[in-house]
Amino acid sequence: MPVQKPLDLGPDPGGLTAFITMDDPTADDYVVRDISSQRDHHRWAFAHPEMRFRVPDTGYKSFVAEFAVVEVTFKGTGPVTIAADVEGRNIGSIRCDRPGDYRLEGRVPPEVLAPGKDLHVTFRAQPRWVSPEDGSELSFYLKSAGFTR
């Protein structure tokens, strides 16, 4: 009989990764709360949006989110400031002075980026648009988010 060797097929497919786009079929797995479930290239972030990610190794340094401030909500709010926290630590904010596309990027402390652990990211938007009909709150259109090298 030939020598037997273990077969290493690598990590199992699926599961959380370091980065996601909102049109990815698995995007719902990354949403913890307050982000719409619509399947499109963007999703509404509501009052207290939160996501989770998992980095496979220690090579990741930054968190980035791409989003849009929509003209319809901007008319009611004016300039909006959006901030992101990773595991409760603020990694940056951006002031959105006009409707349009934005990118928020910030360095993440290396001790926060534990490989294989769920990393929670929360967003804050001030002010948020409040619906006069039902009081629901809209923050921004999220397009993609995650950790980069």
Foldseek 3Di string as FASTA:
>chain_A
DDDDDDDDPDDDPDDFEFKDFQLDPCVVVFWPDQWDNDRDLWIWHWAKTKTKGAYADLPWWKKKWKWWDAQVQCVVFAKKKKWKDKVNHTFDIDIRRHTDMDMDMGTDPSVSRDHPDIIMMIMHMPPWRADPPPRTTTGTITRMIGIDD
